[in-house]
């Protein structure tokens, strides 16, 4: 029995979700780590451990985007994280 069409997402919605999973989550992770490194007095440990923690946080953001039903909500959360992290980077 095939799936009902009301439960399936459109092609553009699926494409946008994939872009949010790959590029949006990566950009949010990168800006979050850069903001943390800029606002800590000794940034060497943050930069050294970011290779491991960035992968875990990126996977967490991917799962978050996958769990959200509406694509625009996922993009708005990721863009808010990017905007807040960017403000923290450039404020100092």
PDB file of N, CA and C in Angstrom:
ATOM      1  N   UNK A   1       0.846  -1.170   0.000  1.00  0.00           N
ATOM      2  CA  UNK A   1       0.000   0.000   0.000  1.00  0.00           C
ATOM      3  C   UNK A   1       0.894   1.237   0.000  1.00  0.00           C
ATOM      4  N   UNK A   2       0.735   2.123  -0.962  1.00  0.00           N
ATOM      5  CA  UNK A   2       1.581   3.325  -1.023  1.00  0.00           C
ATOM      6  C   UNK A   2       1.199   4.332   0.065  1.00  0.00           C
ATOM      7  N   UNK A   3       2.143   5.207   0.344  1.00  0.00           N
ATOM      8  CA  UNK A   3       1.910   6.231   1.360  1.00  0.00           C
ATOM      9  C   UNK A   3       0.924   7.273   0.850  1.00  0.00           C
ATOM     10  N   UNK A   4       0.222   7.875   1.768  1.00  0.00           N
ATOM     11  CA  UNK A   4      -0.717   8.933   1.390  1.00  0.00           C
ATOM     12  C   UNK A   4       0.064  10.179   1.023  1.00  0.00           C
ATOM     13  N   UNK A   5      -0.423  10.882   0.042  1.00  0.00           N
ATOM     14  CA  UNK A   5       0.315  12.046  -0.457  1.00  0.00           C
ATOM     15  C   UNK A   5       0.332  13.197   0.542  1.00  0.00           C
ATOM     16  N   UNK A   6      -0.630  13.243   1.471  1.00  0.00           N
ATOM     17  CA  UNK A   6      -0.622  14.351   2.438  1.00  0.00           C
ATOM     18  C   UNK A   6       0.514  14.209   3.456  1.00  0.00           C
ATOM     19  N   UNK A   7       1.093  13.024   3.588  1.00  0.00           N
ATOM     20  CA  UNK A   7       2.197  12.831   4.509  1.00  0.00           C
ATOM     21  C   UNK A   7       3.565  12.992   3.848  1.00  0.00           C
ATOM     22  N   UNK A   8       3.593  13.120   2.558  1.00  0.00           N
ATOM     23  CA  UNK A   8       4.848  13.256   1.834  1.00  0.00           C
ATOM     24  C   UNK A   8       5.192  14.726   1.648  1.00  0.00           C
ATOM     25  N   UNK A   9       6.475  15.044   1.692  1.00  0.00           N
ATOM     26  CA  UNK A   9       6.901  16.427   1.482  1.00  0.00           C
ATOM     27  C   UNK A   9       7.177  16.652  -0.002  1.00  0.00           C
ATOM     28  N   UNK A  10       7.156  17.923  -0.382  1.00  0.00           N
ATOM     29  CA  UNK A  10       7.418  18.243  -1.785  1.00  0.00           C
ATOM     30  C   UNK A  10       8.914  18.155  -2.072  1.00  0.00           C
ATOM     31  N   UNK A  11       9.255  18.225  -3.334  1.00  0.00           N
ATOM     32  CA  UNK A  11      10.662  18.135  -3.724  1.00  0.00           C
ATOM     33  C   UNK A  11      11.481  19.301  -3.228  1.00  0.00           C
ATOM     34  N   UNK A  12      10.917  20.517  -3.302  1.00  0.00           N
ATOM     35  CA  UNK A  12      11.653  21.704  -2.850  1.00  0.00           C
ATOM     36  C   UNK A  12      11.826  21.709  -1.345  1.00  0.00           C
ATOM     37  N   UNK A  13      10.814  21.241  -0.638  1.00  0.00           N
ATOM     38  CA  UNK A  13      10.913  21.168   0.817  1.00  0.00           C
ATOM     39  C   UNK A  13      12.002  20.178   1.232  1.00  0.00           C
ATOM     40  N   UNK A  14      12.052  19.050   0.569  1.00  0.00           N
ATOM     41  CA  UNK A  14      13.069  18.041   0.868  1.00  0.00           C
ATOM     42  C   UNK A  14      14.467  18.563   0.529  1.00  0.00           C
ATOM     43  N   UNK A  15      14.587  19.255  -0.606  1.00  0.00           N
ATOM     44  CA  UNK A  15      15.875  19.827  -1.012  1.00  0.00           C
ATOM     45  C   UNK A  15      16.337  20.895  -0.024  1.00  0.00           C
ATOM     46  N   UNK A  16      15.413  21.739   0.441  1.00  0.00           N
ATOM     47  CA  UNK A  16      15.755  22.777   1.410  1.00  0.00           C
ATOM     48  C   UNK A  16      16.158  22.165   2.751  1.00  0.00           C
ATOM     49  N   UNK A  17      15.504  21.085   3.138  1.00  0.00           N
ATOM     50  CA  UNK A  17      15.862  20.418   4.394  1.00  0.00           C
ATOM     51  C   UNK A  17      17.250  19.799   4.299  1.00  0.00           C
ATOM     52  N   UNK A  18      17.591  19.237   3.153  1.00  0.00           N
ATOM     53  CA  UNK A  18      18.931  18.676   2.964  1.00  0.00           C
ATOM     54  C   UNK A  18      19.980  19.774   3.011  1.00  0.00           C
ATOM     55  N   UNK A  19      19.689  20.922   2.392  1.00  0.00           N
ATOM     56  CA  UNK A  19      20.618  22.053   2.463  1.00  0.00           C
ATOM     57  C   UNK A  19      20.776  22.550   3.893  1.00  0.00           C
ATOM     58  N   UNK A  20      19.672  22.583   4.634  1.00  0.00           N
ATOM     59  CA  UNK A  20      19.743  23.010   6.037  1.00  0.00           C
ATOM     60  C   UNK A  20      20.542  22.022   6.867  1.00  0.00           C
ATOM     61  N   UNK A  21      20.372  20.736   6.586  1.00  0.00           N
ATOM     62  CA  UNK A  21      21.099  19.717   7.338  1.00  0.00           C
ATOM     63  C   UNK A  21      22.591  19.824   7.083  1.00  0.00           C
ATOM     64  N   UNK A  22      22.983  19.976   5.841  1.00  0.00           N
ATOM     65  CA  UNK A  22      24.407  19.949   5.515  1.00  0.00           C
ATOM     66  C   UNK A  22      25.062  21.309   5.751  1.00  0.00           C
ATOM     67  N   UNK A  23      24.591  22.343   5.080  1.00  0.00           N
ATOM     68  CA  UNK A  23      25.283  23.632   5.111  1.00  0.00           C
ATOM     69  C   UNK A  23      24.874  24.507   6.297  1.00  0.00           C
ATOM     70  N   UNK A  24      23.597  24.550   6.624  1.00  0.00           N
ATOM     71  CA  UNK A  24      23.146  25.377   7.745  1.00  0.00           C
ATOM     72  C   UNK A  24      23.681  24.885   9.075  1.00  0.00           C
ATOM     73  N   UNK A  25      23.644  23.571   9.270  1.00  0.00           N
ATOM     74  CA  UNK A  25      24.160  23.010  10.518  1.00  0.00           C
ATOM     75  C   UNK A  25      25.666  23.205  10.617  1.00  0.00           C
ATOM     76  N   UNK A  26      26.366  23.080   9.500  1.00  0.00           N
ATOM     77  CA  UNK A  26      27.819  23.291   9.523  1.00  0.00           C
ATOM     78  C   UNK A  26      28.157  24.755   9.832  1.00  0.00           C
ATOM     79  N   UNK A  27      27.443  25.680   9.217  1.00  0.00           N
ATOM     80  CA  UNK A  27      27.706  27.103   9.473  1.00  0.00           C
ATOM     81  C   UNK A  27      27.382  27.469  10.920  1.00  0.00           C
ATOM     82  N   UNK A  28      26.305  26.922  11.464  1.00  0.00           N
ATOM     83  CA  UNK A  28      25.957  27.191  12.860  1.00  0.00           C
ATOM     84  C   UNK A  28      27.019  26.627  13.804  1.00  0.00           C
ATOM     85  N   UNK A  29      27.509  25.453  13.501  1.00  0.00           N
ATOM     86  CA  UNK A  29      28.555  24.844  14.331  1.00  0.00           C
ATOM     87  C   UNK A  29      29.841  25.649  14.268  1.00  0.00           C
ATOM     88  N   UNK A  30      30.235  26.053  13.071  1.00  0.00           N
ATOM     89  CA  UNK A  30      31.488  26.795  12.916  1.00  0.00           C
ATOM     90  C   UNK A  30      31.424  28.150  13.617  1.00  0.00           C
ATOM     91  N   UNK A  31      30.337  28.898  13.435  1.00  0.00           N
ATOM     92  CA  UNK A  31      30.239  30.208  14.080  1.00  0.00           C
ATOM     93  C   UNK A  31      30.135  30.074  15.595  1.00  0.00           C
ATOM     94  N   UNK A  32      29.493  29.011  16.063  1.00  0.00           N
ATOM     95  CA  UNK A  32      29.399  28.790  17.506  1.00  0.00           C
ATOM     96  C   UNK A  32      30.773  28.546  18.111  1.00  0.00           C
ATOM     97  N   UNK A  33      31.610  27.760  17.450  1.00  0.00           N
ATOM     98  CA  UNK A  33      32.948  27.491  17.965  1.00  0.00           C
ATOM     99  C   UNK A  33      33.869  28.712  17.848  1.00  0.00           C
ATOM    100  N   UNK A  34      33.741  29.458  16.798  1.00  0.00           N
ATOM    101  CA  UNK A  34      34.561  30.665  16.658  1.00  0.00           C
ATOM    102  C   UNK A  34      34.174  31.686  17.719  1.00  0.00           C
ATOM    103  N   UNK A  35      32.874  31.831  17.977  1.00  0.00           N
ATOM    104  CA  UNK A  35      32.428  32.766  19.013  1.00  0.00           C
ATOM    105  C   UNK A  35      32.921  32.330  20.387  1.00  0.00           C
ATOM    106  N   UNK A  36      32.912  31.044  20.641  1.00  0.00           N
ATOM    107  CA  UNK A  36      33.417  30.548  21.919  1.00  0.00           C
ATOM    108  C   UNK A  36      34.915  30.792  22.045  1.00  0.00           C
ATOM    109  N   UNK A  37      35.655  30.568  20.972  1.00  0.00           N
ATOM    110  CA  UNK A  37      37.103  30.778  21.008  1.00  0.00           C
ATOM    111  C   UNK A  37      37.455  32.259  21.157  1.00  0.00           C
ATOM    112  N   UNK A  38      36.657  33.143  20.558  1.00  0.00           N
ATOM    113  CA  UNK A  38      36.946  34.580  20.666  1.00  0.00           C
ATOM    114  C   UNK A  38      36.643  35.134  22.054  1.00  0.00           C
ATOM    115  N   UNK A  39      35.694  34.522  22.767  1.00  0.00           N
ATOM    116  CA  UNK A  39      35.272  35.073  24.049  1.00  0.00           C
ATOM    117  C   UNK A  39      35.870  34.361  25.247  1.00  0.00           C
ATOM    118  N   UNK A  40      36.820  33.471  25.039  1.00  0.00           N
ATOM    119  CA  UNK A  40      37.526  32.795  26.128  1.00  0.00           C
ATOM    120  C   UNK A  40      38.946  33.345  26.167  1.00  0.00           C
ATOM    121  N   UNK A  41      39.472  33.504  27.365  1.00  0.00           N
ATOM    122  CA  UNK A  41      40.799  34.107  27.500  1.00  0.00           C
ATOM    123  C   UNK A  41      41.881  33.257  26.832  1.00  0.00           C
ATOM    124  N   UNK A  42      41.892  31.973  27.085  1.00  0.00           N
ATOM    125  CA  UNK A  42      42.878  31.076  26.492  1.00  0.00           C
ATOM    126  C   UNK A  42      42.162  30.242  25.431  1.00  0.00           C
ATOM    127  N   UNK A  43      42.320  30.623  24.178  1.00  0.00           N
ATOM    128  CA  UNK A  43      41.535  29.985  23.125  1.00  0.00           C
ATOM    129  C   UNK A  43      42.178  28.722  22.557  1.00  0.00           C
ATOM    130  N   UNK A  44      43.398  28.398  22.936  1.00  0.00           N
ATOM    131  CA  UNK A  44      44.066  27.208  22.389  1.00  0.00           C
ATOM    132  C   UNK A  44      43.330  25.912  22.724  1.00  0.00           C
ATOM    133  N   UNK A  45      42.910  25.666  23.979  1.00  0.00           N
ATOM    134  CA  UNK A  45      42.162  24.426  24.243  1.00  0.00           C
ATOM    135  C   UNK A  45      40.836  24.353  23.488  1.00  0.00           C
ATOM    136  N   UNK A  46      40.192  25.491  23.312  1.00  0.00           N
ATOM    137  CA  UNK A  46      38.919  25.500  22.585  1.00  0.00           C
ATOM    138  C   UNK A  46      39.146  25.110  21.132  1.00  0.00           C
ATOM    139  N   UNK A  47      40.193  25.651  20.534  1.00  0.00           N
ATOM    140  CA  UNK A  47      40.475  25.327  19.139  1.00  0.00           C
ATOM    141  C   UNK A  47      40.929  23.884  18.967  1.00  0.00           C
ATOM    142  N   UNK A  48      41.654  23.348  19.941  1.00  0.00           N
ATOM    143  CA  UNK A  48      42.097  21.962  19.851  1.00  0.00           C
ATOM    144  C   UNK A  48      40.946  20.973  20.027  1.00  0.00           C
ATOM    145  N   UNK A  49      40.057  21.239  20.953  1.00  0.00           N
ATOM    146  CA  UNK A  49      38.942  20.328  21.175  1.00  0.00           C
ATOM    147  C   UNK A  49      37.788  20.561  20.203  1.00  0.00           C
ATOM    148  N   UNK A  50      37.838  21.649  19.451  1.00  0.00           N
ATOM    149  CA  UNK A  50      36.737  21.913  18.515  1.00  0.00           C
ATOM    150  C   UNK A  50      36.697  20.904  17.374  1.00  0.00           C
ATOM    151  N   UNK A  51      37.810  20.239  17.089  1.00  0.00           N
ATOM    152  CA  UNK A  51      37.785  19.229  16.031  1.00  0.00           C
ATOM    153  C   UNK A  51      36.880  18.069  16.399  1.00  0.00           C
ATOM    154  N   UNK A  52      36.818  17.739  17.667  1.00  0.00           N
ATOM    155  CA  UNK A  52      35.949  16.650  18.113  1.00  0.00           C
ATOM    156  C   UNK A  52      34.547  17.143  18.445  1.00  0.00           C
ATOM    157  N   UNK A  53      34.473  18.238  19.173  1.00  0.00           N
ATOM    158  CA  UNK A  53      33.159  18.709  19.598  1.00  0.00           C
ATOM    159  C   UNK A  53      32.354  19.286  18.434  1.00  0.00           C
ATOM    160  N   UNK A  54      33.020  19.837  17.430  1.00  0.00           N
ATOM    161  CA  UNK A  54      32.260  20.378  16.305  1.00  0.00           C
ATOM    162  C   UNK A  54      31.547  19.279  15.534  1.00  0.00           C
ATOM    163  N   UNK A  55      32.163  18.122  15.425  1.00  0.00           N
ATOM    164  CA  UNK A  55      31.504  17.011  14.748  1.00  0.00           C
ATOM    165  C   UNK A  55      30.260  16.573  15.513  1.00  0.00           C
ATOM    166  N   UNK A  56      30.366  16.491  16.831  1.00  0.00           N
ATOM    167  CA  UNK A  56      29.225  16.075  17.647  1.00  0.00           C
ATOM    168  C   UNK A  56      28.097  17.101  17.609  1.00  0.00           C
ATOM    169  N   UNK A  57      28.456  18.380  17.679  1.00  0.00           N
ATOM    170  CA  UNK A  57      27.434  19.428  17.627  1.00  0.00           C
ATOM    171  C   UNK A  57      26.791  19.485  16.243  1.00  0.00           C
ATOM    172  N   UNK A  58      27.589  19.281  15.195  1.00  0.00           N
ATOM    173  CA  UNK A  58      27.045  19.257  13.838  1.00  0.00           C
ATOM    174  C   UNK A  58      26.034  18.121  13.684  1.00  0.00           C
ATOM    175  N   UNK A  59      26.353  16.959  14.210  1.00  0.00           N
ATOM    176  CA  UNK A  59      25.419  15.834  14.176  1.00  0.00           C
ATOM    177  C   UNK A  59      24.156  16.169  14.971  1.00  0.00           C
ATOM    178  N   UNK A  60      24.319  16.847  16.106  1.00  0.00           N
ATOM    179  CA  UNK A  60      23.155  17.266  16.898  1.00  0.00           C
ATOM    180  C   UNK A  60      22.262  18.226  16.140  1.00  0.00           C
ATOM    181  N   UNK A  61      22.864  19.184  15.436  1.00  0.00           N
ATOM    182  CA  UNK A  61      22.068  20.102  14.623  1.00  0.00           C
ATOM    183  C   UNK A  61      21.393  19.374  13.463  1.00  0.00           C
ATOM    184  N   UNK A  62      22.073  18.390  12.889  1.00  0.00           N
ATOM    185  CA  UNK A  62      21.458  17.602  11.808  1.00  0.00           C
ATOM    186  C   UNK A  62      20.222  16.862  12.307  1.00  0.00           C
ATOM    187  N   UNK A  63      20.337  16.266  13.470  1.00  0.00           N
ATOM    188  CA  UNK A  63      19.197  15.547  14.038  1.00  0.00           C
ATOM    189  C   UNK A  63      18.065  16.515  14.360  1.00  0.00           C
ATOM    190  N   UNK A  64      18.415  17.704  14.884  1.00  0.00           N
ATOM    191  CA  UNK A  64      17.397  18.697  15.196  1.00  0.00           C
ATOM    192  C   UNK A  64      16.627  19.098  13.939  1.00  0.00           C
ATOM    193  N   UNK A  65      17.356  19.359  12.852  1.00  0.00           N
ATOM    194  CA  UNK A  65      16.696  19.748  11.603  1.00  0.00           C
ATOM    195  C   UNK A  65      15.837  18.605  11.079  1.00  0.00           C
ATOM    196  N   UNK A  66      16.317  17.388  11.192  1.00  0.00           N
ATOM    197  CA  UNK A  66      15.564  16.237  10.713  1.00  0.00           C
ATOM    198  C   UNK A  66      14.281  16.045  11.506  1.00  0.00           C
ATOM    199  N   UNK A  67      14.286  16.355  12.798  1.00  0.00           N
ATOM    200  CA  UNK A  67      13.113  16.154  13.641  1.00  0.00           C
ATOM    201  C   UNK A  67      12.053  17.245  13.477  1.00  0.00           C
ATOM    202  N   UNK A  68      12.445  18.419  13.006  1.00  0.00           N
ATOM    203  CA  UNK A  68      11.499  19.519  12.836  1.00  0.00           C
ATOM    204  C   UNK A  68      10.710  19.292  11.545  1.00  0.00           C
ATOM    205  N   UNK A  69       9.405  19.418  11.628  1.00  0.00           N
ATOM    206  CA  UNK A  69       8.547  19.153  10.466  1.00  0.00           C
ATOM    207  C   UNK A  69       8.609  20.272   9.424  1.00  0.00           C
ATOM    208  N   UNK A  70       8.555  21.505   9.860  1.00  0.00           N
ATOM    209  CA  UNK A  70       8.540  22.641   8.936  1.00  0.00           C
ATOM    210  C   UNK A  70       9.965  23.101   8.649  1.00  0.00           C
ATOM    211  N   UNK A  71      10.266  23.268   7.371  1.00  0.00           N
ATOM    212  CA  UNK A  71      11.622  23.633   6.966  1.00  0.00           C
ATOM    213  C   UNK A  71      11.954  25.054   7.395  1.00  0.00           C
ATOM    214  N   UNK A  72      10.985  25.950   7.333  1.00  0.00           N
ATOM    215  CA  UNK A  72      11.272  27.338   7.678  1.00  0.00           C
ATOM    216  C   UNK A  72      11.599  27.482   9.162  1.00  0.00           C
ATOM    217  N   UNK A  73      11.050  26.630  10.016  1.00  0.00           N
ATOM    218  CA  UNK A  73      11.404  26.670  11.435  1.00  0.00           C
ATOM    219  C   UNK A  73      12.848  26.221  11.652  1.00  0.00           C
ATOM    220  N   UNK A  74      13.248  25.203  10.917  1.00  0.00           N
ATOM    221  CA  UNK A  74      14.630  24.717  11.033  1.00  0.00           C
ATOM    222  C   UNK A  74      15.610  25.782  10.560  1.00  0.00           C
ATOM    223  N   UNK A  75      15.303  26.393   9.412  1.00  0.00           N
ATOM    224  CA  UNK A  75      16.178  27.459   8.913  1.00  0.00           C
ATOM    225  C   UNK A  75      16.205  28.643   9.870  1.00  0.00           C
ATOM    226  N   UNK A  76      15.070  28.996  10.454  1.00  0.00           N
ATOM    227  CA  UNK A  76      15.060  30.150  11.363  1.00  0.00           C
ATOM    228  C   UNK A  76      15.868  29.875  12.625  1.00  0.00           C
ATOM    229  N   UNK A  77      15.819  28.660  13.146  1.00  0.00           N
ATOM    230  CA  UNK A  77      16.630  28.317  14.322  1.00  0.00           C
ATOM    231  C   UNK A  77      18.110  28.366  13.978  1.00  0.00           C
ATOM    232  N   UNK A  78      18.486  27.778  12.849  1.00  0.00           N
ATOM    233  CA  UNK A  78      19.897  27.780  12.449  1.00  0.00           C
ATOM    234  C   UNK A  78      20.394  29.193  12.169  1.00  0.00           C
ATOM    235  N   UNK A  79      19.583  29.995  11.492  1.00  0.00           N
ATOM    236  CA  UNK A  79      20.002  31.373  11.200  1.00  0.00           C
ATOM    237  C   UNK A  79      20.074  32.222  12.466  1.00  0.00           C
ATOM    238  N   UNK A  80      19.215  31.947  13.436  1.00  0.00           N
ATOM    239  CA  UNK A  80      19.296  32.667  14.711  1.00  0.00           C
ATOM    240  C   UNK A  80      20.587  32.309  15.454  1.00  0.00           C
ATOM    241  N   UNK A  81      20.964  31.044  15.436  1.00  0.00           N
ATOM    242  CA  UNK A  81      22.222  30.628  16.064  1.00  0.00           C
ATOM    243  C   UNK A  81      23.403  31.277  15.358  1.00  0.00           C
ATOM    244  N   UNK A  82      23.359  31.312  14.033  1.00  0.00           N
ATOM    245  CA  UNK A  82      24.439  31.936  13.268  1.00  0.00           C
ATOM    246  C   UNK A  82      24.512  33.429  13.550  1.00  0.00           C
ATOM    247  N   UNK A  83      23.357  34.096  13.621  1.00  0.00           N
ATOM    248  CA  UNK A  83      23.335  35.543  13.858  1.00  0.00           C
ATOM    249  C   UNK A  83      23.842  35.892  15.257  1.00  0.00           C
ATOM    250  N   UNK A  84      23.406  35.155  16.248  1.00  0.00           N
ATOM    251  CA  UNK A  84      23.854  35.430  17.625  1.00  0.00           C
ATOM    252  C   UNK A  84      25.345  35.157  17.765  1.00  0.00           C
ATOM    253  N   UNK A  85      25.817  34.073  17.178  1.00  0.00           N
ATOM    254  CA  UNK A  85      27.251  33.763  17.244  1.00  0.00           C
ATOM    255  C   UNK A  85      28.069  34.806  16.492  1.00  0.00           C
ATOM    256  N   UNK A  86      27.565  35.266  15.359  1.00  0.00           N
ATOM    257  CA  UNK A  86      28.275  36.294  14.600  1.00  0.00           C
ATOM    258  C   UNK A  86      28.342  37.600  15.370  1.00  0.00           C
ATOM    259  N   UNK A  87      27.267  37.940  16.063  1.00  0.00           N
ATOM    260  CA  UNK A  87      27.297  39.145  16.902  1.00  0.00           C
ATOM    261  C   UNK A  87      28.333  39.008  18.009  1.00  0.00           C
ATOM    262  N   UNK A  88      28.416  37.828  18.607  1.00  0.00           N
ATOM    263  CA  UNK A  88      29.421  37.618  19.654  1.00  0.00           C
ATOM    264  C   UNK A  88      30.849  37.676  19.091  1.00  0.00           C
ATOM    265  N   UNK A  89      31.013  37.252  17.858  1.00  0.00           N
ATOM    266  CA  UNK A  89      32.343  37.308  17.238  1.00  0.00           C
ATOM    267  C   UNK A  89      32.754  38.750  16.989  1.00  0.00           C
ATOM    268  N   UNK A  90      31.866  39.531  16.413  1.00  0.00           N
ATOM    269  CA  UNK A  90      32.239  40.875  15.993  1.00  0.00           C
ATOM    270  C   UNK A  90      32.059  41.933  17.072  1.00  0.00           C
ATOM    271  N   UNK A  91      31.473  41.593  18.197  1.00  0.00           N
ATOM    272  CA  UNK A  91      31.310  42.577  19.284  1.00  0.00           C
ATOM    273  C   UNK A  91      32.615  42.784  20.047  1.00  0.00           C
ATOM    274  N   UNK A  92      33.490  41.810  20.019  1.00  0.00           N
ATOM    275  CA  UNK A  92      34.713  41.943  20.812  1.00  0.00           C
ATOM    276  C   UNK A  92      35.853  42.465  20.005  1.00  0.00           C
TER     277      UNK A  92
END
